[in-house]
Structure formats: C-alpha cells, structure tokens
N, C-alpha and C. Protein backbone atom coordinates (compact mmCIF):
# COMPACT_ATOMS: atom_id res chain seq x y z
N MET A 1 25.31 -3.24 -10.91
CA MET A 1 23.95 -3.51 -11.35
C MET A 1 23.47 -2.34 -12.22
N LYS A 2 22.91 -2.66 -13.37
CA LYS A 2 22.40 -1.65 -14.31
C LYS A 2 21.06 -1.11 -13.86
N ALA A 3 20.90 0.19 -14.02
CA ALA A 3 19.60 0.79 -13.73
C ALA A 3 18.59 0.36 -14.80
N GLU A 4 17.40 0.00 -14.35
CA GLU A 4 16.36 -0.40 -15.30
C GLU A 4 15.82 0.83 -16.00
N PRO A 5 15.50 0.72 -17.28
CA PRO A 5 14.93 1.88 -17.99
C PRO A 5 13.54 2.19 -17.46
N SER A 6 13.14 3.42 -17.61
CA SER A 6 11.78 3.79 -17.24
C SER A 6 11.16 4.55 -18.40
N PHE A 7 9.86 4.55 -18.45
CA PHE A 7 9.14 5.13 -19.58
C PHE A 7 8.11 6.12 -19.05
N THR A 8 7.98 7.25 -19.71
CA THR A 8 6.95 8.20 -19.32
C THR A 8 5.60 7.74 -19.85
N ILE A 9 4.55 8.32 -19.31
CA ILE A 9 3.20 8.00 -19.79
C ILE A 9 3.08 8.34 -21.27
N SER A 10 3.67 9.45 -21.67
CA SER A 10 3.64 9.84 -23.09
C SER A 10 4.37 8.82 -23.96
N ASP A 11 5.52 8.32 -23.47
CA ASP A 11 6.26 7.29 -24.20
C ASP A 11 5.39 6.05 -24.42
N LEU A 12 4.74 5.61 -23.36
CA LEU A 12 3.89 4.42 -23.45
C LEU A 12 2.71 4.63 -24.39
N ALA A 13 2.08 5.78 -24.27
CA ALA A 13 0.92 6.08 -25.13
C ALA A 13 1.34 6.07 -26.59
N ARG A 14 2.46 6.68 -26.89
CA ARG A 14 2.96 6.72 -28.27
C ARG A 14 3.31 5.31 -28.76
N GLU A 15 4.00 4.54 -27.92
CA GLU A 15 4.43 3.19 -28.30
C GLU A 15 3.25 2.26 -28.60
N PHE A 16 2.19 2.39 -27.81
CA PHE A 16 1.04 1.48 -27.96
C PHE A 16 -0.13 2.12 -28.70
N ASP A 17 0.08 3.32 -29.23
CA ASP A 17 -0.93 4.02 -30.02
C ASP A 17 -2.25 4.17 -29.27
N VAL A 18 -2.14 4.64 -28.02
CA VAL A 18 -3.31 4.95 -27.20
C VAL A 18 -3.11 6.36 -26.63
N THR A 19 -4.13 6.88 -25.98
CA THR A 19 -4.00 8.21 -25.37
C THR A 19 -3.37 8.09 -23.99
N THR A 20 -2.86 9.21 -23.50
CA THR A 20 -2.31 9.22 -22.14
C THR A 20 -3.42 8.95 -21.13
N ARG A 21 -4.65 9.36 -21.45
CA ARG A 21 -5.78 9.08 -20.57
C ARG A 21 -6.00 7.57 -20.43
N THR A 22 -5.78 6.82 -21.51
CA THR A 22 -5.89 5.36 -21.46
C THR A 22 -4.87 4.79 -20.48
N ILE A 23 -3.65 5.28 -20.54
CA ILE A 23 -2.60 4.82 -19.62
C ILE A 23 -3.01 5.14 -18.18
N ARG A 24 -3.54 6.34 -17.95
CA ARG A 24 -4.02 6.72 -16.61
C ARG A 24 -5.17 5.80 -16.16
N PHE A 25 -6.06 5.47 -17.07
CA PHE A 25 -7.17 4.56 -16.76
C PHE A 25 -6.62 3.21 -16.30
N TYR A 26 -5.66 2.68 -17.04
CA TYR A 26 -5.05 1.39 -16.67
C TYR A 26 -4.39 1.49 -15.29
N GLU A 27 -3.78 2.64 -15.01
CA GLU A 27 -3.18 2.84 -13.69
C GLU A 27 -4.27 2.85 -12.62
N ASP A 28 -5.36 3.57 -12.85
CA ASP A 28 -6.47 3.64 -11.90
C ASP A 28 -7.08 2.26 -11.64
N GLN A 29 -7.10 1.40 -12.66
CA GLN A 29 -7.65 0.06 -12.54
C GLN A 29 -6.67 -0.92 -11.88
N GLY A 30 -5.45 -0.46 -11.62
CA GLY A 30 -4.45 -1.31 -10.98
C GLY A 30 -3.69 -2.19 -11.95
N LEU A 31 -3.83 -1.95 -13.25
CA LEU A 31 -3.14 -2.77 -14.25
C LEU A 31 -1.70 -2.34 -14.45
N LEU A 32 -1.42 -1.06 -14.19
CA LEU A 32 -0.06 -0.53 -14.29
C LEU A 32 0.32 0.10 -12.97
N GLU A 33 1.59 0.02 -12.64
CA GLU A 33 2.08 0.64 -11.42
C GLU A 33 3.11 1.69 -11.82
N LEU A 34 2.75 2.97 -11.63
CA LEU A 34 3.62 4.06 -12.04
C LEU A 34 4.31 4.67 -10.84
N SER A 35 5.54 5.14 -11.06
CA SER A 35 6.30 5.85 -10.03
C SER A 35 6.23 7.32 -10.33
N GLN A 36 5.92 8.11 -9.33
CA GLN A 36 5.81 9.56 -9.50
C GLN A 36 7.10 10.21 -9.03
N THR A 37 7.71 11.02 -9.90
CA THR A 37 8.88 11.80 -9.51
C THR A 37 8.66 13.22 -9.99
N GLY A 38 8.32 14.10 -9.06
CA GLY A 38 8.02 15.48 -9.44
C GLY A 38 6.73 15.51 -10.23
N ALA A 39 6.76 16.19 -11.36
CA ALA A 39 5.56 16.32 -12.20
C ALA A 39 5.42 15.15 -13.16
N ALA A 40 6.43 14.31 -13.27
CA ALA A 40 6.41 13.21 -14.24
C ALA A 40 6.11 11.88 -13.56
N ALA A 41 5.43 10.99 -14.26
CA ALA A 41 5.18 9.63 -13.79
C ALA A 41 5.89 8.68 -14.72
N TYR A 42 6.49 7.65 -14.17
CA TYR A 42 7.26 6.69 -14.96
C TYR A 42 6.80 5.28 -14.69
N LEU A 43 6.90 4.45 -15.70
CA LEU A 43 6.59 3.04 -15.57
C LEU A 43 7.89 2.27 -15.62
N GLN A 44 8.13 1.44 -14.63
CA GLN A 44 9.30 0.56 -14.65
C GLN A 44 8.95 -0.65 -15.52
N PRO A 45 9.94 -1.34 -16.08
CA PRO A 45 9.67 -2.44 -17.00
C PRO A 45 8.79 -3.55 -16.46
N HIS A 46 8.80 -3.82 -15.14
CA HIS A 46 7.94 -4.88 -14.63
C HIS A 46 6.52 -4.34 -14.54
N VAL A 47 5.62 -5.06 -15.16
CA VAL A 47 4.21 -4.65 -15.19
C VAL A 47 3.42 -5.71 -14.45
N THR A 48 2.60 -5.26 -13.52
CA THR A 48 1.75 -6.18 -12.76
C THR A 48 0.44 -6.36 -13.51
N VAL A 49 0.10 -7.60 -13.77
CA VAL A 49 -1.16 -7.90 -14.44
C VAL A 49 -2.04 -8.66 -13.47
N SER A 50 -3.24 -8.14 -13.23
CA SER A 50 -4.15 -8.83 -12.33
C SER A 50 -5.18 -9.62 -13.13
N ALA A 51 -5.54 -10.74 -12.58
CA ALA A 51 -6.52 -11.58 -13.27
C ALA A 51 -7.90 -11.35 -12.72
C-alpha cells in the first residue's frame, strides 16, 4: 500500500494563494483536519467538508 502524500500549511497556502492564517482559520472552523507532527502540521488528501 502506498503512503498518501501530505501537505504542509505553507504548501496549501501557496497552492491556493491564501495566507497560512486562512488555512488555520479553516482548521479552527472544522473545514480542514490537520495532523500535527512535531512543529509541523500536515493535511492528508482527504478533506472533510461540513455543510
């Protein structure tokens, strides 16, 4: 089984042309689920979207 890629908050912010604070806001609102490993937080490819 292949390991799924993960993305840092900075990677996501750069990819979607938003600030890292925006990514943190989405996490706080429950729109993104990030995994914390040490000082870095990563987003796995599956994104939970709440209605």
